[in-house]
Amino acid sequence: MTQHPRLSLGLEPGSVMGVSDWTTLTQEDFNIFGKVTRDEDPMHTDPDWCAAHGPFPTTISFGFFTLSLLTGFSHQASPWPEGAYAINYGFDRIRFLAPVPVNSRVRGRFVFLGAEPREDGSFLTRTEVTVEIEGVEKPALVAEWLGLVFPPEAQRRLDTR
């Protein structure tokens, strides 16, 4: 993938796009995520169970909860061209590398890997995303995130029926 002149991010492949602010992941966050996703696994939602029986001495973040933070982190960290709109296209790779204990602070680091023009005027972008845990060398996750960026001239109403 190469940088395309119409998708001017001012970045070369391999450039850091940005780093989000630190955010603290609380037990309430884990409990709400578990309830919404209908997965109230005690490893994530029950501190007493973890202390007595869990593989970790305290609750840890759901991997998918950590992953779900990427969009919010990207809004803080990643520049996009004026008037462009980006949508999630998926991932080529996601690896959950380290558990995130309750009350940890995490942030997202975004590295631009490239953009490829598509026939409809949009661009397929690739971004390496790392979720860092404050004070921990190993990241919580590393992923290659794919996005579709629609510059103003490529935006149109799509029939979703």
N, C-alpha and C. Protein backbone atom coordinates (compact mmCIF):
# COMPACT_ATOMS: atom_id res chain seq x y z
N MET A 1 0.84 -1.18 0.00
CA MET A 1 0.00 0.00 0.00
C MET A 1 0.88 1.23 0.00
N THR A 2 0.45 2.22 -0.71
CA THR A 2 1.22 3.45 -0.78
C THR A 2 0.33 4.63 -0.44
N GLN A 3 0.96 5.73 -0.11
CA GLN A 3 0.23 6.97 0.15
C GLN A 3 -0.34 7.47 -1.18
N HIS A 4 -1.57 7.90 -1.19
CA HIS A 4 -2.21 8.40 -2.40
C HIS A 4 -2.41 9.91 -2.25
N PRO A 5 -2.14 10.70 -3.32
CA PRO A 5 -2.22 12.16 -3.19
C PRO A 5 -3.58 12.68 -2.75
N ARG A 6 -4.67 12.00 -3.13
CA ARG A 6 -6.00 12.49 -2.74
C ARG A 6 -6.32 12.18 -1.28
N LEU A 7 -5.55 11.30 -0.67
CA LEU A 7 -5.74 10.98 0.74
C LEU A 7 -4.55 11.55 1.49
N SER A 8 -4.58 12.83 1.68
CA SER A 8 -3.42 13.52 2.23
C SER A 8 -3.46 13.53 3.75
N LEU A 9 -2.79 12.57 4.35
CA LEU A 9 -2.67 12.53 5.80
C LEU A 9 -1.37 13.16 6.24
N GLY A 10 -0.50 13.44 5.28
CA GLY A 10 0.81 13.98 5.61
C GLY A 10 1.69 12.95 6.29
N LEU A 11 1.41 11.67 6.06
CA LEU A 11 2.15 10.60 6.71
C LEU A 11 2.69 9.63 5.69
N GLU A 12 3.85 9.13 5.96
CA GLU A 12 4.44 8.06 5.17
C GLU A 12 4.12 6.74 5.89
N PRO A 13 4.02 5.64 5.13
CA PRO A 13 3.83 4.35 5.81
C PRO A 13 4.91 4.14 6.87
N GLY A 14 4.47 3.69 8.03
CA GLY A 14 5.37 3.50 9.16
C GLY A 14 5.38 4.66 10.13
N SER A 15 4.70 5.76 9.77
CA SER A 15 4.66 6.95 10.63
C SER A 15 3.62 6.79 11.74
N VAL A 16 3.97 7.28 12.92
CA VAL A 16 3.00 7.30 14.03
C VAL A 16 1.95 8.35 13.73
N MET A 17 0.68 7.92 13.70
CA MET A 17 -0.44 8.84 13.46
C MET A 17 -0.76 9.63 14.72
N GLY A 18 -0.61 8.96 15.85
CA GLY A 18 -0.91 9.61 17.11
C GLY A 18 -1.07 8.60 18.22
N VAL A 19 -1.19 9.13 19.42
CA VAL A 19 -1.36 8.34 20.63
C VAL A 19 -2.51 8.96 21.41
N SER A 20 -3.43 8.14 21.85
CA SER A 20 -4.58 8.65 22.61
C SER A 20 -4.17 9.00 24.04
N ASP A 21 -5.10 9.60 24.75
CA ASP A 21 -4.92 9.85 26.18
C ASP A 21 -5.01 8.52 26.93
N TRP A 22 -4.44 8.50 28.12
CA TRP A 22 -4.62 7.35 29.01
C TRP A 22 -6.05 7.33 29.51
N THR A 23 -6.62 6.14 29.65
CA THR A 23 -7.95 5.99 30.25
C THR A 23 -7.92 4.82 31.22
N THR A 24 -8.61 4.97 32.34
CA THR A 24 -8.64 3.94 33.38
C THR A 24 -9.82 3.01 33.14
N LEU A 25 -9.55 1.71 33.18
CA LEU A 25 -10.60 0.70 33.01
C LEU A 25 -11.05 0.22 34.38
N THR A 26 -12.30 0.50 34.71
CA THR A 26 -12.83 0.23 36.05
C THR A 26 -13.65 -1.05 36.08
N GLN A 27 -13.93 -1.50 37.29
CA GLN A 27 -14.79 -2.67 37.45
C GLN A 27 -16.18 -2.38 36.87
N GLU A 28 -16.66 -1.17 37.06
CA GLU A 28 -17.96 -0.81 36.47
C GLU A 28 -17.94 -0.96 34.95
N ASP A 29 -16.84 -0.55 34.30
CA ASP A 29 -16.71 -0.74 32.84
C ASP A 29 -16.84 -2.22 32.49
N PHE A 30 -16.13 -3.08 33.22
CA PHE A 30 -16.17 -4.52 32.94
C PHE A 30 -17.58 -5.08 33.15
N ASN A 31 -18.22 -4.66 34.24
CA ASN A 31 -19.57 -5.16 34.54
C ASN A 31 -20.57 -4.75 33.47
N ILE A 32 -20.50 -3.50 33.04
CA ILE A 32 -21.42 -3.02 32.00
C ILE A 32 -21.17 -3.77 30.69
N PHE A 33 -19.92 -3.92 30.31
CA PHE A 33 -19.60 -4.63 29.07
C PHE A 33 -20.12 -6.07 29.15
N GLY A 34 -19.91 -6.73 30.29
CA GLY A 34 -20.40 -8.10 30.46
C GLY A 34 -21.90 -8.19 30.34
N LYS A 35 -22.61 -7.24 30.94
CA LYS A 35 -24.07 -7.24 30.87
C LYS A 35 -24.54 -6.99 29.44
N VAL A 36 -23.98 -6.01 28.75
CA VAL A 36 -24.40 -5.67 27.39
C VAL A 36 -24.12 -6.82 26.43
N THR A 37 -23.00 -7.51 26.60
CA THR A 37 -22.63 -8.58 25.67
C THR A 37 -23.14 -9.94 26.14
N ARG A 38 -23.84 -9.96 27.28
CA ARG A 38 -24.39 -11.20 27.83
C ARG A 38 -23.29 -12.23 28.14
N ASP A 39 -22.18 -11.72 28.64
CA ASP A 39 -21.04 -12.56 29.01
C ASP A 39 -20.53 -12.09 30.37
N GLU A 40 -21.17 -12.55 31.42
CA GLU A 40 -20.80 -12.10 32.76
C GLU A 40 -19.86 -13.10 33.44
N ASP A 41 -18.80 -13.46 32.71
CA ASP A 41 -17.77 -14.37 33.19
C ASP A 41 -17.15 -13.79 34.46
N PRO A 42 -17.08 -14.58 35.55
CA PRO A 42 -16.54 -14.04 36.81
C PRO A 42 -15.09 -13.58 36.73
N MET A 43 -14.31 -14.09 35.75
CA MET A 43 -12.93 -13.64 35.61
C MET A 43 -12.88 -12.13 35.31
N HIS A 44 -13.99 -11.61 34.78
CA HIS A 44 -14.06 -10.19 34.43
C HIS A 44 -14.98 -9.39 35.35
N THR A 45 -15.92 -10.07 36.00
CA THR A 45 -16.97 -9.34 36.73
C THR A 45 -17.05 -9.59 38.23
N ASP A 46 -16.29 -10.55 38.75
CA ASP A 46 -16.43 -10.90 40.17
C ASP A 46 -15.07 -10.91 40.86
N PRO A 47 -14.70 -9.77 41.49
CA PRO A 47 -13.39 -9.69 42.17
C PRO A 47 -13.19 -10.76 43.24
N ASP A 48 -14.25 -11.10 44.00
CA ASP A 48 -14.12 -12.11 45.05
C ASP A 48 -13.83 -13.48 44.46
N TRP A 49 -14.51 -13.83 43.39
CA TRP A 49 -14.26 -15.10 42.71
C TRP A 49 -12.81 -15.15 42.22
N CYS A 50 -12.34 -14.06 41.62
CA CYS A 50 -10.96 -14.02 41.12
C CYS A 50 -9.95 -14.23 42.24
N ALA A 51 -10.18 -13.58 43.37
CA ALA A 51 -9.25 -13.71 44.50
C ALA A 51 -9.19 -15.15 45.00
N ALA A 52 -10.31 -15.85 44.95
CA ALA A 52 -10.37 -17.21 45.48
C ALA A 52 -10.07 -18.29 44.43
N HIS A 53 -10.49 -18.07 43.17
CA HIS A 53 -10.45 -19.16 42.19
C HIS A 53 -9.85 -18.80 40.83
N GLY A 54 -9.69 -17.53 40.57
CA GLY A 54 -9.35 -17.10 39.21
C GLY A 54 -7.91 -17.36 38.81
N PRO A 55 -7.67 -17.35 37.52
CA PRO A 55 -6.30 -17.49 37.04
C PRO A 55 -5.46 -16.24 37.30
N PHE A 56 -6.13 -15.14 37.61
CA PHE A 56 -5.47 -13.87 37.96
C PHE A 56 -6.01 -13.46 39.32
N PRO A 57 -5.24 -12.74 40.13
CA PRO A 57 -5.70 -12.39 41.47
C PRO A 57 -6.79 -11.33 41.50
N THR A 58 -7.06 -10.71 40.36
CA THR A 58 -8.08 -9.68 40.28
C THR A 58 -8.79 -9.80 38.93
N THR A 59 -9.88 -9.10 38.78
CA THR A 59 -10.58 -9.14 37.49
C THR A 59 -9.70 -8.50 36.41
N ILE A 60 -9.92 -8.96 35.19
CA ILE A 60 -9.21 -8.41 34.03
C ILE A 60 -10.22 -8.00 32.97
N SER A 61 -9.80 -7.12 32.11
CA SER A 61 -10.67 -6.66 31.03
C SER A 61 -10.99 -7.81 30.08
N PHE A 62 -12.19 -7.78 29.54
CA PHE A 62 -12.53 -8.65 28.42
C PHE A 62 -11.63 -8.24 27.25
N GLY A 63 -11.11 -9.17 26.52
CA GLY A 63 -10.32 -8.83 25.33
C GLY A 63 -11.13 -7.98 24.36
N PHE A 64 -12.40 -8.35 24.16
CA PHE A 64 -13.23 -7.59 23.22
C PHE A 64 -13.58 -6.21 23.75
N PHE A 65 -13.59 -6.04 25.06
CA PHE A 65 -13.80 -4.69 25.61
C PHE A 65 -12.59 -3.82 25.26
N THR A 66 -11.40 -4.36 25.50
CA THR A 66 -10.19 -3.61 25.16
C THR A 66 -10.19 -3.27 23.67
N LEU A 67 -10.55 -4.23 22.83
CA LEU A 67 -10.61 -4.00 21.39
C LEU A 67 -11.64 -2.92 21.04
N SER A 68 -12.76 -2.91 21.74
CA SER A 68 -13.83 -1.94 21.43
C SER A 68 -13.42 -0.50 21.72
N LEU A 69 -12.37 -0.31 22.50
CA LEU A 69 -11.91 1.04 22.81
C LEU A 69 -11.17 1.69 21.65
N LEU A 70 -10.81 0.91 20.63
CA LEU A 70 -9.99 1.44 19.54
C LEU A 70 -10.64 2.62 18.84
N THR A 71 -11.93 2.56 18.58
CA THR A 71 -12.57 3.67 17.87
C THR A 71 -12.45 4.97 18.65
N GLY A 72 -12.75 4.93 19.93
CA GLY A 72 -12.62 6.13 20.75
C GLY A 72 -11.19 6.62 20.81
N PHE A 73 -10.25 5.70 20.97
CA PHE A 73 -8.84 6.09 20.96
C PHE A 73 -8.46 6.73 19.63
N SER A 74 -8.97 6.18 18.54
CA SER A 74 -8.60 6.72 17.22
C SER A 74 -9.11 8.14 17.03
N HIS A 75 -10.27 8.46 17.59
CA HIS A 75 -10.78 9.83 17.48
C HIS A 75 -9.87 10.82 18.20
N GLN A 76 -9.22 10.37 19.25
CA GLN A 76 -8.29 11.23 19.97
C GLN A 76 -6.94 11.35 19.26
N ALA A 77 -6.53 10.29 18.58
CA ALA A 77 -5.14 10.21 18.14
C ALA A 77 -4.91 10.37 16.65
N SER A 78 -5.90 10.08 15.83
CA SER A 78 -5.64 9.92 14.40
C SER A 78 -6.20 11.06 13.56
N PRO A 79 -5.35 11.71 12.78
CA PRO A 79 -5.84 12.75 11.87
C PRO A 79 -6.47 12.13 10.62
N TRP A 80 -7.51 12.73 10.11
CA TRP A 80 -8.09 12.32 8.84
C TRP A 80 -8.27 13.56 7.99
N PRO A 81 -8.30 13.38 6.68
CA PRO A 81 -8.43 14.55 5.79
C PRO A 81 -9.74 15.31 6.05
N GLU A 82 -9.68 16.60 5.85
CA GLU A 82 -10.86 17.46 6.03
C GLU A 82 -12.03 16.94 5.21
N GLY A 83 -13.18 16.74 5.83
CA GLY A 83 -14.39 16.32 5.15
C GLY A 83 -14.49 14.84 4.85
N ALA A 84 -13.44 14.07 5.14
CA ALA A 84 -13.48 12.63 4.87
C ALA A 84 -14.26 11.91 5.96
N TYR A 85 -14.80 10.76 5.62
CA TYR A 85 -15.50 9.94 6.59
C TYR A 85 -14.90 8.54 6.56
N ALA A 86 -14.60 7.99 7.72
CA ALA A 86 -13.99 6.66 7.80
C ALA A 86 -14.97 5.68 8.42
N ILE A 87 -14.98 4.47 7.90
CA ILE A 87 -15.77 3.39 8.50
C ILE A 87 -14.88 2.19 8.73
N ASN A 88 -15.29 1.38 9.68
CA ASN A 88 -14.56 0.18 10.05
C ASN A 88 -14.73 -0.87 8.96
N TYR A 89 -13.64 -1.45 8.49
CA TYR A 89 -13.69 -2.51 7.48
C TYR A 89 -13.31 -3.86 8.06
N GLY A 90 -12.66 -3.86 9.19
CA GLY A 90 -12.30 -5.11 9.84
C GLY A 90 -10.83 -5.13 10.25
N PHE A 91 -10.34 -6.33 10.44
CA PHE A 91 -8.96 -6.53 10.89
C PHE A 91 -8.32 -7.65 10.09
N ASP A 92 -7.05 -7.51 9.80
CA ASP A 92 -6.30 -8.62 9.24
C ASP A 92 -5.65 -9.43 10.35
N ARG A 93 -5.47 -8.84 11.52
CA ARG A 93 -4.78 -9.54 12.60
C ARG A 93 -5.13 -8.86 13.91
N ILE A 94 -5.45 -9.66 14.90
CA ILE A 94 -5.64 -9.16 16.27
C ILE A 94 -4.97 -10.17 17.20
N ARG A 95 -4.15 -9.65 18.09
CA ARG A 95 -3.51 -10.51 19.09
C ARG A 95 -3.67 -9.87 20.47
N PHE A 96 -4.21 -10.65 21.41
CA PHE A 96 -4.33 -10.21 22.79
C PHE A 96 -3.10 -10.74 23.52
N LEU A 97 -2.20 -9.85 23.89
CA LEU A 97 -0.88 -10.27 24.36
C LEU A 97 -0.72 -10.26 25.88
N ALA A 98 -1.42 -9.38 26.57
CA ALA A 98 -1.28 -9.30 28.03
C ALA A 98 -2.63 -8.96 28.65
N PRO A 99 -2.94 -9.56 29.81
CA PRO A 99 -4.18 -9.22 30.50
C PRO A 99 -4.14 -7.78 31.01
N VAL A 100 -5.31 -7.16 31.07
CA VAL A 100 -5.43 -5.79 31.58
C VAL A 100 -6.18 -5.84 32.91
N PRO A 101 -5.45 -5.78 34.04
CA PRO A 101 -6.11 -5.83 35.34
C PRO A 101 -7.01 -4.61 35.58
N VAL A 102 -8.03 -4.82 36.38
CA VAL A 102 -8.94 -3.74 36.74
C VAL A 102 -8.15 -2.54 37.25
N ASN A 103 -8.62 -1.35 36.94
CA ASN A 103 -8.04 -0.06 37.31
C ASN A 103 -6.72 0.25 36.60
N SER A 104 -6.39 -0.54 35.58
CA SER A 104 -5.22 -0.21 34.75
C SER A 104 -5.55 0.98 33.87
N ARG A 105 -4.50 1.68 33.50
CA ARG A 105 -4.64 2.77 32.51
C ARG A 105 -4.10 2.27 31.18
N VAL A 106 -4.88 2.49 30.13
CA VAL A 106 -4.49 2.05 28.79
C VAL A 106 -4.62 3.21 27.81
N ARG A 107 -3.91 3.08 26.69
CA ARG A 107 -4.03 4.06 25.62
C ARG A 107 -3.75 3.35 24.30
N GLY A 108 -4.16 4.00 23.21
CA GLY A 108 -3.93 3.45 21.88
C GLY A 108 -2.84 4.20 21.14
N ARG A 109 -1.97 3.46 20.47
CA ARG A 109 -0.93 4.03 19.61
C ARG A 109 -1.22 3.56 18.19
N PHE A 110 -1.24 4.52 17.24
CA PHE A 110 -1.65 4.24 15.87
C PHE A 110 -0.50 4.54 14.90
N VAL A 111 -0.17 3.54 14.08
CA VAL A 111 0.89 3.68 13.08
C VAL A 111 0.26 3.45 11.70
N PHE A 112 0.41 4.44 10.83
CA PHE A 112 -0.12 4.37 9.47
C PHE A 112 0.70 3.39 8.65
N LEU A 113 0.04 2.39 8.06
CA LEU A 113 0.74 1.41 7.23
C LEU A 113 0.56 1.67 5.74
N GLY A 114 -0.50 2.41 5.37
CA GLY A 114 -0.70 2.73 3.96
C GLY A 114 -2.16 2.88 3.60
N ALA A 115 -2.39 3.35 2.37
CA ALA A 115 -3.74 3.52 1.84
C ALA A 115 -3.74 3.13 0.37
N GLU A 116 -4.78 2.45 -0.02
CA GLU A 116 -4.91 1.96 -1.39
C GLU A 116 -6.22 2.48 -1.99
N PRO A 117 -6.17 3.16 -3.14
CA PRO A 117 -7.40 3.66 -3.74
C PRO A 117 -8.29 2.51 -4.23
N ARG A 118 -9.59 2.72 -4.15
CA ARG A 118 -10.57 1.74 -4.63
C ARG A 118 -11.40 2.36 -5.75
N GLU A 119 -12.04 1.52 -6.52
CA GLU A 119 -12.80 1.99 -7.68
C GLU A 119 -13.91 2.97 -7.33
N ASP A 120 -14.49 2.83 -6.15
CA ASP A 120 -15.61 3.70 -5.78
C ASP A 120 -15.15 5.07 -5.26
N GLY A 121 -13.85 5.34 -5.28
CA GLY A 121 -13.32 6.62 -4.82
C GLY A 121 -12.89 6.62 -3.37
N SER A 122 -13.17 5.53 -2.67
CA SER A 122 -12.73 5.43 -1.27
C SER A 122 -11.30 4.89 -1.25
N PHE A 123 -10.76 4.78 -0.04
CA PHE A 123 -9.42 4.24 0.16
C PHE A 123 -9.48 3.18 1.24
N LEU A 124 -8.80 2.07 1.00
CA LEU A 124 -8.63 1.06 2.02
C LEU A 124 -7.37 1.42 2.79
N THR A 125 -7.51 1.68 4.07
CA THR A 125 -6.37 2.06 4.90
C THR A 125 -5.99 0.90 5.82
N ARG A 126 -4.72 0.85 6.14
CA ARG A 126 -4.21 -0.12 7.11
C ARG A 126 -3.48 0.65 8.20
N THR A 127 -3.84 0.31 9.42
CA THR A 127 -3.26 0.97 10.58
C THR A 127 -2.86 -0.10 11.59
N GLU A 128 -1.63 -0.02 12.07
CA GLU A 128 -1.23 -0.88 13.18
C GLU A 128 -1.64 -0.18 14.46
N VAL A 129 -2.36 -0.90 15.31
CA VAL A 129 -2.83 -0.34 16.57
C VAL A 129 -2.25 -1.16 17.71
N THR A 130 -1.71 -0.47 18.69
CA THR A 130 -1.20 -1.11 19.89
C THR A 130 -1.90 -0.48 21.08
N VAL A 131 -2.48 -1.32 21.93
CA VAL A 131 -3.04 -0.82 23.19
C VAL A 131 -2.01 -1.08 24.27
N GLU A 132 -1.49 0.01 24.81
CA GLU A 132 -0.46 -0.05 25.84
C GLU A 132 -1.09 0.00 27.22
N ILE A 133 -0.46 -0.69 28.16
CA ILE A 133 -0.87 -0.65 29.57
C ILE A 133 0.19 0.14 30.31
N GLU A 134 -0.23 1.17 31.01
CA GLU A 134 0.73 2.02 31.72
C GLU A 134 1.57 1.18 32.68
N GLY A 135 2.90 1.33 32.58
CA GLY A 135 3.81 0.65 33.48
C GLY A 135 4.10 -0.81 33.13
N VAL A 136 3.54 -1.30 32.01
CA VAL A 136 3.75 -2.69 31.60
C VAL A 136 4.42 -2.69 30.23
N GLU A 137 5.49 -3.44 30.11
CA GLU A 137 6.23 -3.46 28.84
C GLU A 137 5.44 -4.11 27.71
N LYS A 138 4.78 -5.22 28.01
CA LYS A 138 4.04 -5.97 26.99
C LYS A 138 2.68 -5.29 26.75
N PRO A 139 2.30 -5.06 25.49
CA PRO A 139 1.01 -4.42 25.24
C PRO A 139 -0.17 -5.35 25.48
N ALA A 140 -1.32 -4.77 25.71
CA ALA A 140 -2.55 -5.55 25.88
C ALA A 140 -2.93 -6.21 24.57
N LEU A 141 -2.83 -5.45 23.48
CA LEU A 141 -3.15 -6.02 22.18
C LEU A 141 -2.42 -5.28 21.08
N VAL A 142 -2.24 -5.99 19.98
CA VAL A 142 -1.70 -5.42 18.75
C VAL A 142 -2.60 -5.91 17.63
N ALA A 143 -2.99 -4.99 16.74
CA ALA A 143 -3.89 -5.35 15.65
C ALA A 143 -3.54 -4.59 14.39
N GLU A 144 -3.87 -5.17 13.25
CA GLU A 144 -3.81 -4.46 11.98
C GLU A 144 -5.25 -4.17 11.58
N TRP A 145 -5.60 -2.90 11.66
CA TRP A 145 -6.98 -2.44 11.51
C TRP A 145 -7.17 -1.91 10.09
N LEU A 146 -8.23 -2.36 9.45
CA LEU A 146 -8.56 -1.90 8.10
C LEU A 146 -9.72 -0.91 8.18
N GLY A 147 -9.62 0.14 7.40
CA GLY A 147 -10.70 1.12 7.34
C GLY A 147 -10.98 1.52 5.91
N LEU A 148 -12.17 1.99 5.67
CA LEU A 148 -12.51 2.60 4.39
C LEU A 148 -12.69 4.09 4.66
N VAL A 149 -11.92 4.88 3.95
CA VAL A 149 -12.01 6.33 4.09
C VAL A 149 -12.65 6.87 2.82
N PHE A 150 -13.72 7.64 3.02
CA PHE A 150 -14.44 8.24 1.90
C PHE A 150 -14.16 9.73 1.89
N PRO A 151 -13.33 10.21 0.94
CA PRO A 151 -13.17 11.66 0.78
C PRO A 151 -14.51 12.26 0.37
N PRO A 152 -14.68 13.57 0.50
CA PRO A 152 -15.98 14.18 0.17
C PRO A 152 -16.50 13.79 -1.21
N GLU A 153 -15.62 13.71 -2.20
CA GLU A 153 -16.10 13.39 -3.56
C GLU A 153 -16.58 11.95 -3.70
N ALA A 154 -16.25 11.09 -2.75
CA ALA A 154 -16.67 9.69 -2.82
C ALA A 154 -17.87 9.40 -1.93
N GLN A 155 -18.33 10.39 -1.18
CA GLN A 155 -19.44 10.16 -0.25
C GLN A 155 -20.76 10.20 -0.99
N ARG A 156 -21.61 9.26 -0.66
CA ARG A 156 -22.94 9.18 -1.25
C ARG A 156 -23.81 8.38 -0.30
N ARG A 157 -25.08 8.50 -0.50
CA ARG A 157 -26.00 7.70 0.32
C ARG A 157 -26.04 6.29 -0.25
N LEU A 158 -25.82 5.30 0.61
CA LEU A 158 -25.88 3.92 0.18
C LEU A 158 -27.21 3.32 0.57
N ASP A 159 -27.75 2.52 -0.29
CA ASP A 159 -28.99 1.80 0.02
C ASP A 159 -28.62 0.64 0.94
N THR A 160 -29.10 0.66 2.15
CA THR A 160 -28.76 -0.40 3.11
C THR A 160 -29.87 -1.43 3.24
N ARG A 161 -30.85 -1.38 2.34
CA ARG A 161 -31.94 -2.38 2.42
C ARG A 161 -31.51 -3.69 1.85
